[in-house]
C-alpha atoms as a PDB file:
ATOM      1  CA  MET A   1      83.840 126.458  87.478  1.00  0.00           C
ATOM      2  CA  SER A   2      87.795 126.475  85.436  1.00  0.00           C
ATOM      3  CA  LEU A   3      89.047 124.281  82.997  1.00  0.00           C
ATOM      4  CA  LYS A   4      91.294 122.725  85.343  1.00  0.00           C
ATOM      5  CA  GLN A   5      88.780 121.979  87.822  1.00  0.00           C
ATOM      6  CA  LEU A   6      86.632 120.343  84.748  1.00  0.00           C
ATOM      7  CA  LEU A   7      89.643 118.258  83.243  1.00  0.00           C
ATOM      8  CA  ALA A   8      90.345 117.074  86.941  1.00  0.00           C
ATOM      9  CA  CYS A   9      86.532 116.052  87.906  1.00  0.00           C
ATOM     10  CA  THR A  10      86.491 114.309  84.544  1.00  0.00           C
ATOM     11  CA  ALA A  11      89.396 112.338  85.134  1.00  0.00           C
ATOM     12  CA  LEU A  12      88.341 111.385  88.457  1.00  0.00           C
ATOM     13  CA  LEU A  13      85.286 109.968  86.514  1.00  0.00           C
ATOM     14  CA  SER A  14      86.215 108.265  84.292  1.00  0.00           C
ATOM     15  CA  ALA A  15      88.828 106.587  86.706  1.00  0.00           C
ATOM     16  CA  GLY A  16      85.886 105.200  88.737  1.00  0.00           C
ATOM     17  CA  PHE A  17      84.121 103.925  86.055  1.00  0.00           C
ATOM     18  CA  SER A  18      87.446 101.943  84.951  1.00  0.00           C
ATOM     19  CA  ALA A  19      87.580 100.534  88.648  1.00  0.00           C
ATOM     20  CA  GLN A  20      84.329  98.783  88.518  1.00  0.00           C
ATOM     21  CA  ALA A  21      84.633  95.116  89.103  1.00  0.00           C
ATOM     22  CA  ALA A  22      83.957  92.692  85.839  1.00  0.00           C
ATOM     23  CA  GLU A  23      80.992  90.451  85.546  1.00  0.00           C
ATOM     24  CA  PRO A  24      82.025  87.942  87.509  1.00  0.00           C
ATOM     25  CA  SER A  25      82.961  84.586  85.177  1.00  0.00           C
ATOM     26  CA  PHE A  26      83.629  80.700  85.584  1.00  0.00           C
ATOM     27  CA  ASP A  27      87.326  81.531  85.199  1.00  0.00           C
ATOM     28  CA  SER A  28      87.190  84.152  88.395  1.00  0.00           C
ATOM     29  CA  VAL A  29      85.771  81.005  90.589  1.00  0.00           C
ATOM     30  CA  GLN A  30      86.568  77.678  89.215  1.00  0.00           C
ATOM     31  CA  ASP A  31      89.269  77.468  91.680  1.00  0.00           C
ATOM     32  CA  ILE A  32      87.016  78.091  94.609  1.00  0.00           C
ATOM     33  CA  LEU A  33      84.469  75.348  93.651  1.00  0.00           C
ATOM     34  CA  THR A  34      87.258  73.027  92.615  1.00  0.00           C
ATOM     35  CA  LYS A  35      89.344  73.636  96.237  1.00  0.00           C
ATOM     36  CA  ASN A  36      85.981  73.033  97.554  1.00  0.00           C
ATOM     37  CA  ALA A  37      84.790  69.946  95.827  1.00  0.00           C
ATOM     38  CA  CYS A  38      81.467  72.081  94.619  1.00  0.00           C
ATOM     39  CA  LEU A  39      82.452  70.489  91.189  1.00  0.00           C
ATOM     40  CA  ALA A  40      81.875  66.777  92.544  1.00  0.00           C
ATOM     41  CA  CYS A  41      77.767  67.218  92.119  1.00  0.00           C
ATOM     42  CA  HIS A  42      77.321  70.518  90.346  1.00  0.00           C
ATOM     43  CA  THR A  43      78.518  71.749  87.024  1.00  0.00           C
ATOM     44  CA  VAL A  44      77.549  74.503  84.798  1.00  0.00           C
ATOM     45  CA  ASP A  45      74.889  73.789  82.385  1.00  0.00           C
ATOM     46  CA  LYS A  46      74.212  70.103  83.562  1.00  0.00           C
ATOM     47  CA  LYS A  47      72.365  68.391  86.499  1.00  0.00           C
ATOM     48  CA  VAL A  48      74.636  65.993  88.060  1.00  0.00           C
ATOM     49  CA  VAL A  49      74.301  64.892  91.419  1.00  0.00           C
ATOM     50  CA  GLY A  50      72.539  68.864  92.425  1.00  0.00           C
ATOM     51  CA  PRO A  51      71.151  71.261  90.263  1.00  0.00           C
ATOM     52  CA  ALA A  52      73.348  72.833  87.306  1.00  0.00           C
ATOM     53  CA  TYR A  53      74.550  76.582  88.530  1.00  0.00           C
ATOM     54  CA  ARG A  54      73.016  77.953  85.444  1.00  0.00           C
ATOM     55  CA  ASP A  55      69.289  75.951  86.665  1.00  0.00           C
ATOM     56  CA  ILE A  56      69.817  77.995  89.893  1.00  0.00           C
ATOM     57  CA  ALA A  57      70.518  80.822  88.858  1.00  0.00           C
ATOM     58  CA  ALA A  58      67.965  81.029  86.500  1.00  0.00           C
ATOM     59  CA  LYS A  59      65.718  80.647  90.105  1.00  0.00           C
ATOM     60  CA  ARG A  60      67.446  82.851  91.491  1.00  0.00           C
ATOM     61  CA  LYS A  61      68.825  85.386  89.866  1.00  0.00           C
ATOM     62  CA  ASP A  62      65.523  88.189  89.477  1.00  0.00           C
ATOM     63  CA  ASP A  63      65.732  88.734  93.316  1.00  0.00           C
ATOM     64  CA  PRO A  64      68.838  90.619  95.165  1.00  0.00           C
ATOM     65  CA  ALA A  65      67.553  89.137  98.322  1.00  0.00           C
ATOM     66  CA  ASN A  66      68.311  85.538  97.083  1.00  0.00           C
ATOM     67  CA  ALA A  67      72.623  86.294  97.192  1.00  0.00           C
ATOM     68  CA  GLU A  68      71.865  85.712 100.874  1.00  0.00           C
ATOM     69  CA  VAL A  69      69.650  82.785 100.865  1.00  0.00           C
ATOM     70  CA  LEU A  70      72.236  81.123  98.699  1.00  0.00           C
ATOM     71  CA  ALA A  71      75.234  81.795 100.975  1.00  0.00           C
ATOM     72  CA  GLN A  72      73.487  80.472 103.396  1.00  0.00           C
ATOM     73  CA  HIS A  73      72.820  77.339 101.395  1.00  0.00           C
ATOM     74  CA  VAL A  74      76.314  76.913 100.491  1.00  0.00           C
ATOM     75  CA  ARG A  75      77.446  77.668 104.141  1.00  0.00           C
ATOM     76  CA  GLN A  76      74.691  75.661 105.950  1.00  0.00           C
ATOM     77  CA  GLY A  77      73.988  73.096 103.666  1.00  0.00           C
ATOM     78  CA  SER A  78      69.811  72.857 102.603  1.00  0.00           C
ATOM     79  CA  LYS A  79      67.373  69.830 101.918  1.00  0.00           C
ATOM     80  CA  GLY A  80      64.172  69.720  99.315  1.00  0.00           C
ATOM     81  CA  VAL A  81      65.523  73.122  97.463  1.00  0.00           C
ATOM     82  CA  TYR A  82      66.211  71.327  94.250  1.00  0.00           C
ATOM     83  CA  GLY A  83      65.261  67.828  94.565  1.00  0.00           C
ATOM     84  CA  PRO A  84      65.164  65.408  97.411  1.00  0.00           C
ATOM     85  CA  LEU A  85      68.994  64.754  98.022  1.00  0.00           C
ATOM     86  CA  PRO A  86      70.483  66.925 100.939  1.00  0.00           C
ATOM     87  CA  MET A  87      73.297  69.545 100.403  1.00  0.00           C
ATOM     88  CA  PRO A  88      75.755  68.957 102.739  1.00  0.00           C
ATOM     89  CA  SER A  89      76.655  71.971 104.938  1.00  0.00           C
ATOM     90  CA  ASN A  90      80.561  74.014 103.707  1.00  0.00           C
ATOM     91  CA  PRO A  91      81.683  75.316 107.152  1.00  0.00           C
ATOM     92  CA  ALA A  92      85.000  75.308 105.458  1.00  0.00           C
ATOM     93  CA  ILE A  93      84.749  78.009 102.951  1.00  0.00           C
ATOM     94  CA  SER A  94      85.367  81.124 103.489  1.00  0.00           C
ATOM     95  CA  ASP A  95      83.002  84.075 103.362  1.00  0.00           C
ATOM     96  CA  ASP A  96      84.986  85.255 100.482  1.00  0.00           C
ATOM     97  CA  ASP A  97      85.073  82.635  98.541  1.00  0.00           C
ATOM     98  CA  ILE A  98      81.481  82.119  99.111  1.00  0.00           C
ATOM     99  CA  LYS A  99      80.596  85.878  97.798  1.00  0.00           C
ATOM    100  CA  ALA A 100      82.217  84.967  94.724  1.00  0.00           C
ATOM    101  CA  VAL A 101      80.570  81.766  94.017  1.00  0.00           C
ATOM    102  CA  VAL A 102      77.154  83.886  94.586  1.00  0.00           C
ATOM    103  CA  ALA A 103      78.069  86.849  92.791  1.00  0.00           C
ATOM    104  CA  TRP A 104      78.814  84.463  89.547  1.00  0.00           C
ATOM    105  CA  ILE A 105      75.487  82.448  90.078  1.00  0.00           C
ATOM    106  CA  MET A 106      73.327  85.854  90.740  1.00  0.00           C
ATOM    107  CA  VAL A 107      74.375  87.036  86.802  1.00  0.00           C
ATOM    108  CA  GLY A 108      73.648  83.493  85.424  1.00  0.00           C
ATOM    109  CA  ALA A 109      76.551  82.191  85.904  1.00  0.00           C
ATOM    110  CA  PRO A 110      77.914  82.755  82.686  1.00  0.00           C
ATOM    111  CA  LYS A 111      81.128  80.131  81.148  1.00  0.00           C
END
C-alpha cells in the first residue's frame, strides 16, 4: 500500500467516525414531545399521569427489541403496562418522530 492510499484510507476512516450520530438528548426530542402533547402526561424524571421517561427507559433499555414495543405503544396506545391508566393512541405522530423519541428513551432518557 502506498503512502497516498494509506492517507486516503485514514481520512475516510476518520470521516466515518465523525459522521456517527450523536446520542439523542432531551433537546433533540423536546419539540416532538411538545407538539404531540406527550409532556401533558410524562416528564423526564417524575411520574405525572404516565410514568417518567427514565422509568420507561429503566424497564426497556437493556433489550434492543423493546424499541419496537415502545414504538407500538406510542402509535397504538397501551393498557396496564405501567399502571391502571391506559395510554391513548397517537396516530398523528410521524414514524420519524417516533423513532427519535424511542431512540432517546432507549439510551436512558438523558436530560
